[in-house]
Amino acid sequence: MERRFRLSTSYYNQRSKLSDLLTNRHVAERRNEQVDEMLKLIGNFGFPIVVSAYLLVRIEGKLAELTISITELAKALAVIKA
């Protein structure tokens, strides 16, 4: 009997985790935390500064990807010319 109870408890725990994933509860909670953090930053530093910092962080990743793409393009052009 105990073994069945343990298995069923484990089954329900896994099922609730799956349910959480499917309903994106953890994603919604994370978004709420991010919004709260952004509001605190805006209150402390001001809207323009927070938006500028956010955009700089996002653009930095894009610039790294562009740098890699340009390097690969230059290599491909060198192979074509040769």
PDB file of N, CA and C in Angstrom:
ATOM      1  N   MET A   1       0.812  -1.198   0.000  1.00  0.00           N
ATOM      2  CA  MET A   1       0.000   0.000   0.000  1.00  0.00           C
ATOM      3  C   MET A   1       0.858   1.266   0.000  1.00  0.00           C
ATOM      4  N   GLU A   2       1.910   1.272   0.789  1.00  0.00           N
ATOM      5  CA  GLU A   2       2.734   2.474   0.863  1.00  0.00           C
ATOM      6  C   GLU A   2       3.353   2.791  -0.487  1.00  0.00           C
ATOM      7  N   ARG A   3       3.796   1.758  -1.156  1.00  0.00           N
ATOM      8  CA  ARG A   3       4.434   1.978  -2.451  1.00  0.00           C
ATOM      9  C   ARG A   3       3.453   2.624  -3.434  1.00  0.00           C
ATOM     10  N   ARG A   4       2.230   2.165  -3.465  1.00  0.00           N
ATOM     11  CA  ARG A   4       1.229   2.761  -4.337  1.00  0.00           C
ATOM     12  C   ARG A   4       1.020   4.230  -3.984  1.00  0.00           C
ATOM     13  N   PHE A   5       0.966   4.505  -2.692  1.00  0.00           N
ATOM     14  CA  PHE A   5       0.764   5.886  -2.252  1.00  0.00           C
ATOM     15  C   PHE A   5       1.921   6.771  -2.709  1.00  0.00           C
ATOM     16  N   ARG A   6       3.135   6.269  -2.587  1.00  0.00           N
ATOM     17  CA  ARG A   6       4.298   7.038  -3.013  1.00  0.00           C
ATOM     18  C   ARG A   6       4.264   7.278  -4.518  1.00  0.00           C
ATOM     19  N   LEU A   7       3.949   6.253  -5.259  1.00  0.00           N
ATOM     20  CA  LEU A   7       3.880   6.419  -6.702  1.00  0.00           C
ATOM     21  C   LEU A   7       2.795   7.405  -7.096  1.00  0.00           C
ATOM     22  N   SER A   8       1.665   7.293  -6.461  1.00  0.00           N
ATOM     23  CA  SER A   8       0.582   8.200  -6.821  1.00  0.00           C
ATOM     24  C   SER A   8       0.912   9.637  -6.420  1.00  0.00           C
ATOM     25  N   THR A   9       1.581   9.813  -5.281  1.00  0.00           N
ATOM     26  CA  THR A   9       1.991  11.153  -4.872  1.00  0.00           C
ATOM     27  C   THR A   9       2.987  11.721  -5.868  1.00  0.00           C
ATOM     28  N   SER A  10       3.942  10.897  -6.267  1.00  0.00           N
ATOM     29  CA  SER A  10       4.918  11.323  -7.253  1.00  0.00           C
ATOM     30  C   SER A  10       4.224  11.666  -8.568  1.00  0.00           C
ATOM     31  N   TYR A  11       3.268  10.859  -8.939  1.00  0.00           N
ATOM     32  CA  TYR A  11       2.524  11.096 -10.173  1.00  0.00           C
ATOM     33  C   TYR A  11       1.807  12.439 -10.113  1.00  0.00           C
ATOM     34  N   TYR A  12       1.157  12.720  -9.000  1.00  0.00           N
ATOM     35  CA  TYR A  12       0.429  13.986  -8.887  1.00  0.00           C
ATOM     36  C   TYR A  12       1.377  15.175  -8.837  1.00  0.00           C
ATOM     37  N   ASN A  13       2.540  15.009  -8.210  1.00  0.00           N
ATOM     38  CA  ASN A  13       3.526  16.096  -8.202  1.00  0.00           C
ATOM     39  C   ASN A  13       4.002  16.397  -9.617  1.00  0.00           C
ATOM     40  N   GLN A  14       4.285  15.343 -10.374  1.00  0.00           N
ATOM     41  CA  GLN A  14       4.718  15.540 -11.755  1.00  0.00           C
ATOM     42  C   GLN A  14       3.597  16.145 -12.587  1.00  0.00           C
ATOM     43  N   ARG A  15       2.397  15.701 -12.323  1.00  0.00           N
ATOM     44  CA  ARG A  15       1.258  16.224 -13.080  1.00  0.00           C
ATOM     45  C   ARG A  15       1.051  17.709 -12.790  1.00  0.00           C
ATOM     46  N   SER A  16       1.210  18.121 -11.521  1.00  0.00           N
ATOM     47  CA  SER A  16       1.036  19.535 -11.197  1.00  0.00           C
ATOM     48  C   SER A  16       2.159  20.368 -11.815  1.00  0.00           C
ATOM     49  N   LYS A  17       3.376  19.814 -11.860  1.00  0.00           N
ATOM     50  CA  LYS A  17       4.474  20.530 -12.508  1.00  0.00           C
ATOM     51  C   LYS A  17       4.185  20.697 -13.993  1.00  0.00           C
ATOM     52  N   LEU A  18       3.690  19.638 -14.596  1.00  0.00           N
ATOM     53  CA  LEU A  18       3.340  19.710 -16.003  1.00  0.00           C
ATOM     54  C   LEU A  18       2.230  20.736 -16.229  1.00  0.00           C
ATOM     55  N   SER A  19       1.265  20.729 -15.350  1.00  0.00           N
ATOM     56  CA  SER A  19       0.169  21.696 -15.454  1.00  0.00           C
ATOM     57  C   SER A  19       0.699  23.121 -15.347  1.00  0.00           C
ATOM     58  N   ASP A  20       1.634  23.333 -14.411  1.00  0.00           N
ATOM     59  CA  ASP A  20       2.235  24.658 -14.268  1.00  0.00           C
ATOM     60  C   ASP A  20       2.955  25.073 -15.541  1.00  0.00           C
ATOM     61  N   LEU A  21       3.687  24.135 -16.133  1.00  0.00           N
ATOM     62  CA  LEU A  21       4.407  24.456 -17.362  1.00  0.00           C
ATOM     63  C   LEU A  21       3.453  24.777 -18.499  1.00  0.00           C
ATOM     64  N   LEU A  22       2.390  23.990 -18.583  1.00  0.00           N
ATOM     65  CA  LEU A  22       1.443  24.196 -19.667  1.00  0.00           C
ATOM     66  C   LEU A  22       0.681  25.504 -19.538  1.00  0.00           C
ATOM     67  N   THR A  23       0.412  25.903 -18.325  1.00  0.00           N
ATOM     68  CA  THR A  23      -0.335  27.151 -18.127  1.00  0.00           C
ATOM     69  C   THR A  23       0.599  28.351 -17.990  1.00  0.00           C
ATOM     70  N   ASN A  24       1.895  28.087 -18.036  1.00  0.00           N
ATOM     71  CA  ASN A  24       2.909  29.152 -17.964  1.00  0.00           C
ATOM     72  C   ASN A  24       2.809  29.972 -16.686  1.00  0.00           C
ATOM     73  N   ARG A  25       2.491  29.315 -15.599  1.00  0.00           N
ATOM     74  CA  ARG A  25       2.414  30.057 -14.326  1.00  0.00           C
ATOM     75  C   ARG A  25       3.766  30.619 -13.942  1.00  0.00           C
ATOM     76  N   HIS A  26       4.816  29.807 -14.122  1.00  0.00           N
ATOM     77  CA  HIS A  26       6.144  30.285 -13.749  1.00  0.00           C
ATOM     78  C   HIS A  26       6.581  31.444 -14.632  1.00  0.00           C
ATOM     79  N   VAL A  27       6.168  31.465 -15.875  1.00  0.00           N
ATOM     80  CA  VAL A  27       6.508  32.561 -16.777  1.00  0.00           C
ATOM     81  C   VAL A  27       5.796  33.834 -16.327  1.00  0.00           C
ATOM     82  N   ALA A  28       4.536  33.709 -15.981  1.00  0.00           N
ATOM     83  CA  ALA A  28       3.775  34.872 -15.518  1.00  0.00           C
ATOM     84  C   ALA A  28       4.357  35.418 -14.226  1.00  0.00           C
ATOM     85  N   GLU A  29       4.763  34.526 -13.320  1.00  0.00           N
ATOM     86  CA  GLU A  29       5.359  34.985 -12.063  1.00  0.00           C
ATOM     87  C   GLU A  29       6.677  35.705 -12.328  1.00  0.00           C
ATOM     88  N   ARG A  30       7.466  35.158 -13.240  1.00  0.00           N
ATOM     89  CA  ARG A  30       8.750  35.787 -13.577  1.00  0.00           C
ATOM     90  C   ARG A  30       8.528  37.162 -14.199  1.00  0.00           C
ATOM     91  N   ARG A  31       7.527  37.284 -15.048  1.00  0.00           N
ATOM     92  CA  ARG A  31       7.220  38.587 -15.651  1.00  0.00           C
ATOM     93  C   ARG A  31       6.811  39.590 -14.592  1.00  0.00           C
ATOM     94  N   ASN A  32       6.016  39.143 -13.628  1.00  0.00           N
ATOM     95  CA  ASN A  32       5.609  40.042 -12.548  1.00  0.00           C
ATOM     96  C   ASN A  32       6.819  40.524 -11.764  1.00  0.00           C
ATOM     97  N   GLU A  33       7.771  39.615 -11.523  1.00  0.00           N
ATOM     98  CA  GLU A  33       8.990  40.002 -10.808  1.00  0.00           C
ATOM     99  C   GLU A  33       9.790  41.009 -11.625  1.00  0.00           C
ATOM    100  N   GLN A  34       9.862  40.795 -12.937  1.00  0.00           N
ATOM    101  CA  GLN A  34      10.601  41.714 -13.791  1.00  0.00           C
ATOM    102  C   GLN A  34       9.937  43.090 -13.830  1.00  0.00           C
ATOM    103  N   VAL A  35       8.622  43.112 -13.892  1.00  0.00           N
ATOM    104  CA  VAL A  35       7.900  44.389 -13.900  1.00  0.00           C
ATOM    105  C   VAL A  35       8.132  45.127 -12.586  1.00  0.00           C
ATOM    106  N   ASP A  36       8.076  44.410 -11.481  1.00  0.00           N
ATOM    107  CA  ASP A  36       8.322  45.040 -10.184  1.00  0.00           C
ATOM    108  C   ASP A  36       9.729  45.619 -10.122  1.00  0.00           C
ATOM    109  N   GLU A  37      10.687  44.862 -10.624  1.00  0.00           N
ATOM    110  CA  GLU A  37      12.072  45.332 -10.621  1.00  0.00           C
ATOM    111  C   GLU A  37      12.236  46.568 -11.502  1.00  0.00           C
ATOM    112  N   MET A  38      11.595  46.555 -12.666  1.00  0.00           N
ATOM    113  CA  MET A  38      11.673  47.717 -13.555  1.00  0.00           C
ATOM    114  C   MET A  38      11.049  48.947 -12.905  1.00  0.00           C
ATOM    115  N   LEU A  39       9.929  48.767 -12.233  1.00  0.00           N
ATOM    116  CA  LEU A  39       9.284  49.901 -11.564  1.00  0.00           C
ATOM    117  C   LEU A  39      10.163  50.464 -10.452  1.00  0.00           C
ATOM    118  N   LYS A  40      10.847  49.593  -9.724  1.00  0.00           N
ATOM    119  CA  LYS A  40      11.774  50.064  -8.686  1.00  0.00           C
ATOM    120  C   LYS A  40      12.912  50.864  -9.306  1.00  0.00           C
ATOM    121  N   LEU A  41      13.448  50.346 -10.421  1.00  0.00           N
ATOM    122  CA  LEU A  41      14.541  51.058 -11.089  1.00  0.00           C
ATOM    123  C   LEU A  41      14.077  52.409 -11.617  1.00  0.00           C
ATOM    124  N   ILE A  42      12.889  52.445 -12.198  1.00  0.00           N
ATOM    125  CA  ILE A  42      12.356  53.711 -12.706  1.00  0.00           C
ATOM    126  C   ILE A  42      12.176  54.698 -11.563  1.00  0.00           C
ATOM    127  N   GLY A  43      11.690  54.208 -10.431  1.00  0.00           N
ATOM    128  CA  GLY A  43      11.520  55.087  -9.273  1.00  0.00           C
ATOM    129  C   GLY A  43      12.838  55.626  -8.756  1.00  0.00           C
ATOM    130  N   ASN A  44      13.884  54.806  -8.822  1.00  0.00           N
ATOM    131  CA  ASN A  44      15.187  55.220  -8.298  1.00  0.00           C
ATOM    132  C   ASN A  44      15.979  56.081  -9.276  1.00  0.00           C
ATOM    133  N   PHE A  45      15.937  55.747 -10.551  1.00  0.00           N
ATOM    134  CA  PHE A  45      16.810  56.409 -11.516  1.00  0.00           C
ATOM    135  C   PHE A  45      16.090  57.267 -12.535  1.00  0.00           C
ATOM    136  N   GLY A  46      14.844  57.030 -12.779  1.00  0.00           N
ATOM    137  CA  GLY A  46      14.106  57.790 -13.776  1.00  0.00           C
ATOM    138  C   GLY A  46      13.891  56.981 -15.042  1.00  0.00           C
ATOM    139  N   PHE A  47      12.800  57.263 -15.705  1.00  0.00           N
ATOM    140  CA  PHE A  47      12.399  56.510 -16.886  1.00  0.00           C
ATOM    141  C   PHE A  47      13.418  56.558 -18.020  1.00  0.00           C
ATOM    142  N   PRO A  48      13.912  57.734 -18.404  1.00  0.00           N
ATOM    143  CA  PRO A  48      14.855  57.773 -19.540  1.00  0.00           C
ATOM    144  C   PRO A  48      16.123  56.956 -19.299  1.00  0.00           C
ATOM    145  N   ILE A  49      16.634  56.978 -18.095  1.00  0.00           N
ATOM    146  CA  ILE A  49      17.861  56.242 -17.793  1.00  0.00           C
ATOM    147  C   ILE A  49      17.608  54.737 -17.853  1.00  0.00           C
ATOM    148  N   VAL A  50      16.502  54.290 -17.306  1.00  0.00           N
ATOM    149  CA  VAL A  50      16.186  52.862 -17.312  1.00  0.00           C
ATOM    150  C   VAL A  50      15.965  52.364 -18.732  1.00  0.00           C
ATOM    151  N   VAL A  51      15.244  53.113 -19.533  1.00  0.00           N
ATOM    152  CA  VAL A  51      15.002  52.704 -20.923  1.00  0.00           C
ATOM    153  C   VAL A  51      16.310  52.675 -21.704  1.00  0.00           C
ATOM    154  N   SER A  52      17.154  53.664 -21.504  1.00  0.00           N
ATOM    155  CA  SER A  52      18.449  53.698 -22.194  1.00  0.00           C
ATOM    156  C   SER A  52      19.304  52.498 -21.815  1.00  0.00           C
ATOM    157  N   ALA A  53      19.363  52.178 -20.539  1.00  0.00           N
ATOM    158  CA  ALA A  53      20.150  51.028 -20.080  1.00  0.00           C
ATOM    159  C   ALA A  53      19.598  49.731 -20.655  1.00  0.00           C
ATOM    160  N   TYR A  54      18.286  49.590 -20.652  1.00  0.00           N
ATOM    161  CA  TYR A  54      17.648  48.386 -21.197  1.00  0.00           C
ATOM    162  C   TYR A  54      17.989  48.216 -22.676  1.00  0.00           C
ATOM    163  N   LEU A  55      17.878  49.296 -23.427  1.00  0.00           N
ATOM    164  CA  LEU A  55      18.173  49.223 -24.860  1.00  0.00           C
ATOM    165  C   LEU A  55      19.645  48.933 -25.125  1.00  0.00           C
ATOM    166  N   LEU A  56      20.530  49.498 -24.324  1.00  0.00           N
ATOM    167  CA  LEU A  56      21.961  49.229 -24.494  1.00  0.00           C
ATOM    168  C   LEU A  56      22.274  47.757 -24.243  1.00  0.00           C
ATOM    169  N   VAL A  57      21.656  47.178 -23.250  1.00  0.00           N
ATOM    170  CA  VAL A  57      21.889  45.764 -22.952  1.00  0.00           C
ATOM    171  C   VAL A  57      21.378  44.893 -24.088  1.00  0.00           C
ATOM    172  N   ARG A  58      20.215  45.219 -24.620  1.00  0.00           N
ATOM    173  CA  ARG A  58      19.661  44.436 -25.733  1.00  0.00           C
ATOM    174  C   ARG A  58      20.503  44.589 -26.986  1.00  0.00           C
ATOM    175  N   ILE A  59      20.942  45.797 -27.275  1.00  0.00           N
ATOM    176  CA  ILE A  59      21.701  46.052 -28.499  1.00  0.00           C
ATOM    177  C   ILE A  59      23.070  45.383 -28.433  1.00  0.00           C
ATOM    178  N   GLU A  60      23.642  45.271 -27.244  1.00  0.00           N
ATOM    179  CA  GLU A  60      24.965  44.656 -27.109  1.00  0.00           C
ATOM    180  C   GLU A  60      24.970  43.225 -27.654  1.00  0.00           C
ATOM    181  N   GLY A  61      23.937  42.456 -27.343  1.00  0.00           N
ATOM    182  CA  GLY A  61      23.837  41.086 -27.855  1.00  0.00           C
ATOM    183  C   GLY A  61      23.695  41.051 -29.360  1.00  0.00           C
ATOM    184  N   LYS A  62      22.897  41.961 -29.887  1.00  0.00           N
ATOM    185  CA  LYS A  62      22.700  42.029 -31.336  1.00  0.00           C
ATOM    186  C   LYS A  62      24.001  42.411 -32.044  1.00  0.00           C
ATOM    187  N   LEU A  63      24.767  43.328 -31.445  1.00  0.00           N
ATOM    188  CA  LEU A  63      26.034  43.731 -32.049  1.00  0.00           C
ATOM    189  C   LEU A  63      27.024  42.577 -32.091  1.00  0.00           C
ATOM    190  N   ALA A  64      27.038  41.757 -31.064  1.00  0.00           N
ATOM    191  CA  ALA A  64      27.926  40.596 -31.057  1.00  0.00           C
ATOM    192  C   ALA A  64      27.553  39.632 -32.179  1.00  0.00           C
ATOM    193  N   GLU A  65      26.259  39.409 -32.377  1.00  0.00           N
ATOM    194  CA  GLU A  65      25.805  38.540 -33.466  1.00  0.00           C
ATOM    195  C   GLU A  65      26.169  39.133 -34.828  1.00  0.00           C
ATOM    196  N   LEU A  66      26.009  40.436 -34.980  1.00  0.00           N
ATOM    197  CA  LEU A  66      26.356  41.091 -36.244  1.00  0.00           C
ATOM    198  C   LEU A  66      27.848  41.000 -36.530  1.00  0.00           C
ATOM    199  N   THR A  67      28.662  41.143 -35.515  1.00  0.00           N
ATOM    200  CA  THR A  67      30.107  41.036 -35.684  1.00  0.00           C
ATOM    201  C   THR A  67      30.488  39.655 -36.198  1.00  0.00           C
ATOM    202  N   ILE A  68      29.894  38.627 -35.628  1.00  0.00           N
ATOM    203  CA  ILE A  68      30.155  37.259 -36.073  1.00  0.00           C
ATOM    204  C   ILE A  68      29.697  37.078 -37.518  1.00  0.00           C
ATOM    205  N   SER A  69      28.532  37.586 -37.851  1.00  0.00           N
ATOM    206  CA  SER A  69      28.011  37.462 -39.219  1.00  0.00           C
ATOM    207  C   SER A  69      28.898  38.176 -40.230  1.00  0.00           C
ATOM    208  N   ILE A  70      29.373  39.351 -39.883  1.00  0.00           N
ATOM    209  CA  ILE A  70      30.235  40.110 -40.793  1.00  0.00           C
ATOM    210  C   ILE A  70      31.560  39.376 -40.996  1.00  0.00           C
ATOM    211  N   THR A  71      32.097  38.805 -39.948  1.00  0.00           N
ATOM    212  CA  THR A  71      33.338  38.036 -40.065  1.00  0.00           C
ATOM    213  C   THR A  71      33.146  36.835 -40.980  1.00  0.00           C
ATOM    214  N   GLU A  72      32.038  36.124 -40.816  1.00  0.00           N
ATOM    215  CA  GLU A  72      31.757  34.979 -41.674  1.00  0.00           C
ATOM    216  C   GLU A  72      31.552  35.409 -43.123  1.00  0.00           C
ATOM    217  N   LEU A  73      30.905  36.533 -43.328  1.00  0.00           N
ATOM    218  CA  LEU A  73      30.695  37.052 -44.679  1.00  0.00           C
ATOM    219  C   LEU A  73      32.024  37.410 -45.338  1.00  0.00           C
ATOM    220  N   ALA A  74      32.914  38.038 -44.568  1.00  0.00           N
ATOM    221  CA  ALA A  74      34.225  38.394 -45.109  1.00  0.00           C
ATOM    222  C   ALA A  74      35.003  37.141 -45.510  1.00  0.00           C
ATOM    223  N   LYS A  75      34.921  36.092 -44.700  1.00  0.00           N
ATOM    224  CA  LYS A  75      35.597  34.836 -45.037  1.00  0.00           C
ATOM    225  C   LYS A  75      34.996  34.218 -46.298  1.00  0.00           C
ATOM    226  N   ALA A  76      33.677  34.254 -46.420  1.00  0.00           N
ATOM    227  CA  ALA A  76      33.024  33.687 -47.603  1.00  0.00           C
ATOM    228  C   ALA A  76      33.410  34.460 -48.857  1.00  0.00           C
ATOM    229  N   LEU A  77      33.508  35.783 -48.776  1.00  0.00           N
ATOM    230  CA  LEU A  77      33.906  36.584 -49.914  1.00  0.00           C
ATOM    231  C   LEU A  77      35.364  36.316 -50.293  1.00  0.00           C
ATOM    232  N   ALA A  78      36.199  36.098 -49.314  1.00  0.00           N
ATOM    233  CA  ALA A  78      37.615  35.795 -49.598  1.00  0.00           C
ATOM    234  C   ALA A  78      37.735  34.466 -50.332  1.00  0.00           C
ATOM    235  N   VAL A  79      36.910  33.497 -49.959  1.00  0.00           N
ATOM    236  CA  VAL A  79      36.932  32.206 -50.636  1.00  0.00           C
ATOM    237  C   VAL A  79      36.429  32.354 -52.075  1.00  0.00           C
ATOM    238  N   ILE A  80      35.409  33.149 -52.282  1.00  0.00           N
ATOM    239  CA  ILE A  80      34.851  33.353 -53.625  1.00  0.00           C
ATOM    240  C   ILE A  80      35.871  34.063 -54.531  1.00  0.00           C
ATOM    241  N   LYS A  81      36.565  35.056 -54.011  1.00  0.00           N
ATOM    242  CA  LYS A  81      37.561  35.795 -54.800  1.00  0.00           C
ATOM    243  C   LYS A  81      38.765  34.929 -55.152  1.00  0.00           C
ATOM    244  N   ALA A  82      39.098  34.004 -54.298  1.00  0.00           N
ATOM    245  CA  ALA A  82      40.296  33.175 -54.521  1.00  0.00           C
ATOM    246  C   ALA A  82      40.075  32.107 -55.513  1.00  0.00           C
TER     247      ALA A  82
END
